[in-house]
Amino acid sequence: MAMNNMYRVGDYVYVDTGPTDPYCVRRIDELQKLPNGNVEMEVMIYYRRADLPPDMIAIADENLAEYWDDMSRKYKSQAHERELFLAKKTEKISATQIRGKCTVCLLHKAETMFSYIKTDDAFFYTLVYDPVNKSLFEDRGEIKIGASYQAEVPSSTCAPADDTRQSADLEELVWSPENKLTDTQIDQFLVLARSVGTFARAVDEASTLKQPSLHMSAAAASRDITLFNAMGLLHANKYDFAKSALSLVANGSPRLCTDQM
């Protein structure tokens, strides 16, 4: 197991729950720095086969039947060790319980289970386990068919001459590719915007709780919301590089762009 001290939201990790229990597998959904300096994590739970009720094993076996190949059948017990079951419920743990990283993927029919067996710290899942109702179901979307789910396609469209709507009233232009800036200048402004975004998160108290390191702040500042805001500033300032750069600082503070993360 490769140990790594840097963990991010979305990482899959091993969690130590006791000296006699095998490591649990979890996915980090949220990081929070506590007032005492410790880091608490909210993690998504993944169950192993041994955690399922005995009457659920037959259902799991039936679902996995279509994924077996010749090589995987030779290592059946190892394949079962790599199988997980998503719980879609979370728990909070201390960062001190983490014992390393791993990977978890939704098994696709185009893959083989043997590819997970021969790869270190690799797990797969195909089913979701509901511990409340004691049930298993597939973690896949479903296409619903019928009048209640499909849109009705009109038999004809409005003739252009009869369409009196004004596009200016319906839409707002937020970016025009036909501007006076070169691609290099646009890229330079996006780099500048990410740099300001990193500094804004470093000095923002709420952000430092979720991204306690400068490395994580830089990663958050590279999200799409920062780039969308930067391109919006260029458009609002008529693609004037200098004015747009000054707009990155508002009321004496660096502009902070946040989304749901």
Protein backbone atom coordinates (compact mmCIF):
# COMPACT_ATOMS: atom_id res chain seq x y z
CA MET A 1 0.00 0.00 0.00
CA ALA A 2 1.53 3.31 -1.06
CA MET A 3 1.28 5.85 1.74
CA ASN A 4 0.57 9.42 0.77
CA ASN A 5 -0.02 12.30 3.15
CA MET A 6 -2.00 14.38 0.65
CA TYR A 7 -5.70 13.54 0.45
CA ARG A 8 -8.37 15.32 -1.56
CA VAL A 9 -12.13 15.20 -1.91
CA GLY A 10 -12.94 12.29 -4.20
CA ASP A 11 -10.01 10.11 -3.10
CA TYR A 12 -10.68 6.48 -2.18
CA VAL A 13 -8.89 5.50 1.01
CA TYR A 14 -8.32 2.65 3.44
CA VAL A 15 -9.76 3.34 6.91
CA ASP A 16 -8.61 1.62 10.10
CA THR A 17 -11.61 0.81 12.33
CA GLY A 18 -9.94 -1.56 14.77
CA PRO A 19 -6.95 -3.85 15.36
CA THR A 20 -8.85 -7.03 14.46
CA ASP A 21 -10.86 -5.77 11.46
CA PRO A 22 -9.65 -5.50 7.85
CA TYR A 23 -9.29 -1.99 6.51
CA CYS A 24 -12.54 -0.47 5.30
CA VAL A 25 -12.77 1.31 1.95
CA ARG A 26 -14.24 4.80 1.89
CA ARG A 27 -14.47 7.78 -0.49
CA ILE A 28 -13.71 11.24 0.86
CA ASP A 29 -16.70 13.53 0.32
CA GLU A 30 -15.69 16.45 2.55
CA LEU A 31 -12.66 17.67 4.49
CA GLN A 32 -13.02 19.91 7.52
CA LYS A 33 -10.37 21.37 9.79
CA LEU A 34 -11.56 21.50 13.41
CA PRO A 35 -10.74 24.35 15.81
CA ASN A 36 -8.27 22.10 17.64
CA GLY A 37 -6.29 21.63 14.41
CA ASN A 38 -7.42 18.08 13.70
CA VAL A 39 -8.93 17.20 10.33
CA GLU A 40 -12.31 15.47 10.15
CA MET A 41 -13.59 13.78 7.01
CA GLU A 42 -17.05 12.87 5.83
CA VAL A 43 -16.71 9.67 3.81
CA MET A 44 -18.95 7.52 1.63
CA ILE A 45 -19.24 3.95 2.88
CA TYR A 46 -18.40 0.88 0.79
CA TYR A 47 -19.20 -2.57 2.20
CA ARG A 48 -17.29 -5.79 1.59
CA ARG A 49 -18.93 -9.15 0.90
CA ALA A 50 -18.35 -10.19 4.49
CA ASP A 51 -20.46 -7.24 5.66
CA LEU A 52 -23.58 -8.39 3.78
CA PRO A 53 -26.32 -10.52 5.38
CA PRO A 54 -26.04 -14.18 4.32
CA ASP A 55 -29.27 -14.05 2.30
CA MET A 56 -27.82 -11.23 0.16
CA ILE A 57 -24.84 -13.27 -1.04
CA ALA A 58 -26.92 -15.28 -3.52
CA ILE A 59 -28.22 -12.07 -5.10
CA ALA A 60 -24.68 -10.71 -5.37
CA ASP A 61 -23.51 -13.97 -6.99
CA GLU A 62 -26.34 -13.89 -9.51
CA ASN A 63 -25.55 -10.33 -10.49
CA LEU A 64 -21.83 -11.07 -10.88
CA ALA A 65 -22.39 -14.16 -13.06
CA GLU A 66 -22.24 -12.26 -16.35
CA TYR A 67 -18.86 -10.69 -15.51
CA TRP A 68 -16.82 -13.87 -15.03
CA ASP A 69 -14.11 -14.74 -17.55
CA ASP A 70 -11.70 -17.67 -17.73
CA MET A 71 -8.88 -15.95 -15.83
CA SER A 72 -11.17 -14.56 -13.12
CA ARG A 73 -12.64 -18.00 -12.44
CA LYS A 74 -9.16 -19.23 -11.52
CA TYR A 75 -9.00 -16.58 -8.77
CA LYS A 76 -12.58 -16.57 -7.52
CA SER A 77 -11.77 -15.83 -3.88
CA GLN A 78 -9.47 -12.95 -4.88
CA ALA A 79 -12.20 -11.52 -7.11
CA HIS A 80 -14.65 -11.57 -4.20
CA GLU A 81 -12.07 -9.79 -2.06
CA ARG A 82 -11.96 -6.97 -4.61
CA GLU A 83 -15.75 -6.63 -4.83
CA LEU A 84 -17.40 -3.81 -2.88
CA PHE A 85 -20.97 -2.62 -2.41
CA LEU A 86 -21.78 1.08 -2.40
CA ALA A 87 -23.94 2.08 0.57
CA LYS A 88 -24.79 5.67 -0.48
CA LYS A 89 -24.54 6.70 3.16
CA THR A 90 -21.79 8.64 4.86
CA GLU A 91 -20.00 8.71 8.18
CA LYS A 92 -17.49 11.02 9.80
CA ILE A 93 -13.98 9.83 10.65
CA SER A 94 -10.71 11.33 11.82
CA ALA A 95 -7.93 11.78 9.28
CA THR A 96 -5.70 9.75 11.64
CA GLN A 97 -7.69 6.62 10.73
CA ILE A 98 -6.58 6.70 7.08
CA ARG A 99 -4.01 4.09 6.07
CA GLY A 100 -3.46 4.83 2.38
CA LYS A 101 -5.15 5.23 -0.98
CA CYS A 102 -6.90 2.80 -3.29
CA THR A 103 -9.14 2.95 -6.36
CA VAL A 104 -12.80 1.97 -6.77
CA CYS A 105 -14.59 1.76 -10.12
CA LEU A 106 -18.01 0.73 -11.33
CA LEU A 107 -17.37 -2.55 -13.15
CA HIS A 108 -18.31 -2.41 -16.83
CA LYS A 109 -19.07 -5.38 -19.06
CA ALA A 110 -16.23 -4.29 -21.35
CA GLU A 111 -13.78 -4.89 -18.49
CA THR A 112 -12.61 -8.08 -16.85
CA MET A 113 -12.52 -8.74 -13.14
CA PHE A 114 -9.01 -10.10 -13.58
CA SER A 115 -7.78 -6.58 -14.40
CA TYR A 116 -8.66 -5.63 -10.82
CA ILE A 117 -7.19 -8.79 -9.33
CA LYS A 118 -3.77 -8.17 -10.87
CA THR A 119 -3.70 -4.47 -9.90
CA ASP A 120 -2.69 -3.48 -6.38
CA ASP A 121 -5.28 -1.63 -4.27
CA ALA A 122 -7.95 -1.80 -6.99
CA PHE A 123 -11.59 -2.54 -6.20
CA PHE A 124 -14.82 -2.67 -8.19
CA TYR A 125 -18.53 -2.61 -7.46
CA THR A 126 -21.72 -3.28 -9.41
CA LEU A 127 -24.43 -3.09 -6.75
CA VAL A 128 -25.68 -0.67 -4.13
CA TYR A 129 -26.50 -2.07 -0.70
CA ASP A 130 -29.29 -0.51 1.35
CA PRO A 131 -28.56 -1.52 4.98
CA VAL A 132 -31.91 -0.18 6.18
CA ASN A 133 -34.12 -2.20 3.84
CA LYS A 134 -31.57 -5.04 3.47
CA SER A 135 -31.68 -4.88 -0.33
CA LEU A 136 -29.29 -4.80 -3.30
CA PHE A 137 -29.86 -2.90 -6.55
CA GLU A 138 -27.81 -1.81 -9.55
CA ASP A 139 -26.08 1.55 -9.54
CA ARG A 140 -27.13 2.46 -13.06
CA GLY A 141 -29.52 4.92 -14.60
CA GLU A 142 -32.76 3.71 -16.11
CA ILE A 143 -34.38 4.86 -19.35
CA LYS A 144 -38.10 5.16 -18.75
CA ILE A 145 -40.41 4.76 -21.72
CA GLY A 146 -43.94 6.05 -22.11
CA ALA A 147 -45.99 9.18 -22.53
CA SER A 148 -45.21 10.24 -18.97
CA TYR A 149 -41.46 10.39 -19.65
CA GLN A 150 -40.98 11.38 -23.32
CA ALA A 151 -41.52 14.85 -24.73
CA GLU A 152 -44.12 15.30 -27.44
CA VAL A 153 -42.48 16.40 -30.68
CA PRO A 154 -44.63 19.01 -32.51
CA SER A 155 -45.67 18.08 -36.04
CA SER A 156 -44.47 21.43 -37.41
CA THR A 157 -42.33 24.36 -36.38
CA CYS A 158 -43.04 28.05 -36.45
CA ALA A 159 -42.29 29.65 -39.81
CA PRO A 160 -39.39 32.14 -39.60
CA ALA A 161 -41.66 34.93 -40.85
CA ASP A 162 -44.12 34.31 -38.00
CA ASP A 163 -41.46 34.26 -35.30
CA THR A 164 -41.49 37.77 -33.82
CA ARG A 165 -39.17 37.02 -30.91
CA GLN A 166 -35.99 39.06 -30.57
CA SER A 167 -32.90 37.05 -29.75
CA ALA A 168 -31.49 40.00 -27.79
CA ASP A 169 -34.46 39.73 -25.40
CA LEU A 170 -34.09 35.98 -24.98
CA GLU A 171 -30.34 35.61 -24.57
CA GLU A 172 -27.42 37.47 -23.03
CA LEU A 173 -24.06 37.40 -24.77
CA VAL A 174 -21.33 36.52 -22.23
CA TRP A 175 -18.43 35.77 -24.60
CA SER A 176 -17.50 36.59 -28.15
CA PRO A 177 -14.68 34.75 -29.94
CA GLU A 178 -14.32 37.75 -32.23
CA ASN A 179 -12.36 40.05 -29.92
CA LYS A 180 -9.08 41.97 -29.99
CA LEU A 181 -7.19 39.61 -27.68
CA THR A 182 -4.92 36.85 -28.94
CA ASP A 183 -5.17 33.29 -27.65
CA THR A 184 -1.91 33.81 -25.76
CA GLN A 185 -3.28 36.90 -23.99
CA ILE A 186 -6.46 35.04 -23.02
CA ASP A 187 -4.42 32.16 -21.62
CA GLN A 188 -2.26 34.63 -19.68
CA PHE A 189 -5.36 36.23 -18.15
CA LEU A 190 -6.74 32.84 -17.12
CA VAL A 191 -3.44 32.06 -15.38
CA LEU A 192 -3.65 35.43 -13.61
CA ALA A 193 -7.24 34.72 -12.54
CA ARG A 194 -6.27 31.32 -11.11
CA SER A 195 -3.39 32.91 -9.20
CA VAL A 196 -5.68 35.54 -7.69
CA GLY A 197 -8.22 32.79 -6.91
CA THR A 198 -5.56 30.79 -5.06
CA PHE A 199 -4.61 33.81 -2.96
CA ALA A 200 -8.30 34.60 -2.31
CA ARG A 201 -8.86 31.10 -0.92
CA ALA A 202 -5.69 31.28 1.16
CA VAL A 203 -6.94 34.39 3.00
CA ASP A 204 -10.62 33.37 3.17
CA GLU A 205 -11.43 31.80 6.55
CA ALA A 206 -14.26 29.61 5.27
CA SER A 207 -12.14 28.26 2.42
CA THR A 208 -9.15 27.40 4.62
CA LEU A 209 -11.34 25.03 6.64
CA LYS A 210 -12.18 22.99 3.52
CA GLN A 211 -8.81 23.46 1.78
CA PRO A 212 -6.28 23.60 4.63
CA SER A 213 -3.24 23.54 2.32
CA LEU A 214 -2.06 25.90 -0.41
CA HIS A 215 -1.93 22.96 -2.82
CA MET A 216 -5.64 22.26 -2.29
CA SER A 217 -6.46 25.98 -2.61
CA ALA A 218 -4.69 26.07 -5.98
CA ALA A 219 -6.64 23.01 -7.14
CA ALA A 220 -9.93 24.63 -6.11
CA ALA A 221 -8.97 27.87 -7.89
CA SER A 222 -8.54 25.91 -11.12
CA ARG A 223 -12.18 24.82 -11.18
CA ASP A 224 -14.44 25.91 -14.02
CA ILE A 225 -16.19 28.59 -11.94
CA THR A 226 -12.92 30.59 -11.77
CA LEU A 227 -12.38 30.37 -15.52
CA PHE A 228 -16.02 31.27 -16.28
CA ASN A 229 -15.71 34.36 -14.07
CA ALA A 230 -12.41 35.36 -15.72
CA MET A 231 -13.90 35.13 -19.22
CA GLY A 232 -16.96 37.05 -18.00
CA LEU A 233 -14.72 39.85 -16.73
CA LEU A 234 -12.97 40.07 -20.09
CA HIS A 235 -16.31 40.39 -21.87
CA ALA A 236 -17.67 42.92 -19.36
CA ASN A 237 -14.57 45.08 -19.82
CA LYS A 238 -14.78 44.88 -23.63
CA TYR A 239 -11.71 42.60 -23.74
CA ASP A 240 -9.43 45.23 -22.24
CA PHE A 241 -6.68 43.22 -20.53
CA ALA A 242 -5.66 45.94 -18.05
CA LYS A 243 -9.21 46.80 -16.93
CA SER A 244 -10.07 43.11 -16.59
CA ALA A 245 -6.96 42.51 -14.48
CA LEU A 246 -7.96 45.36 -12.15
CA SER A 247 -11.44 43.79 -11.85
CA LEU A 248 -9.89 40.71 -10.26
CA VAL A 249 -9.55 42.80 -7.10
CA ALA A 250 -12.81 44.29 -5.84
CA ASN A 251 -13.05 46.65 -2.84
CA GLY A 252 -9.45 45.97 -1.90
CA SER A 253 -9.87 42.20 -1.75
CA PRO A 254 -9.11 39.49 -4.33
CA ARG A 255 -12.22 38.22 -6.10
CA LEU A 256 -13.29 34.82 -4.72
CA CYS A 257 -15.37 32.57 -6.97
CA THR A 258 -17.02 29.53 -5.40
CA ASP A 259 -19.40 26.81 -6.52
CA GLN A 260 -20.98 23.86 -4.69
CA MET A 261 -17.48 22.57 -3.83
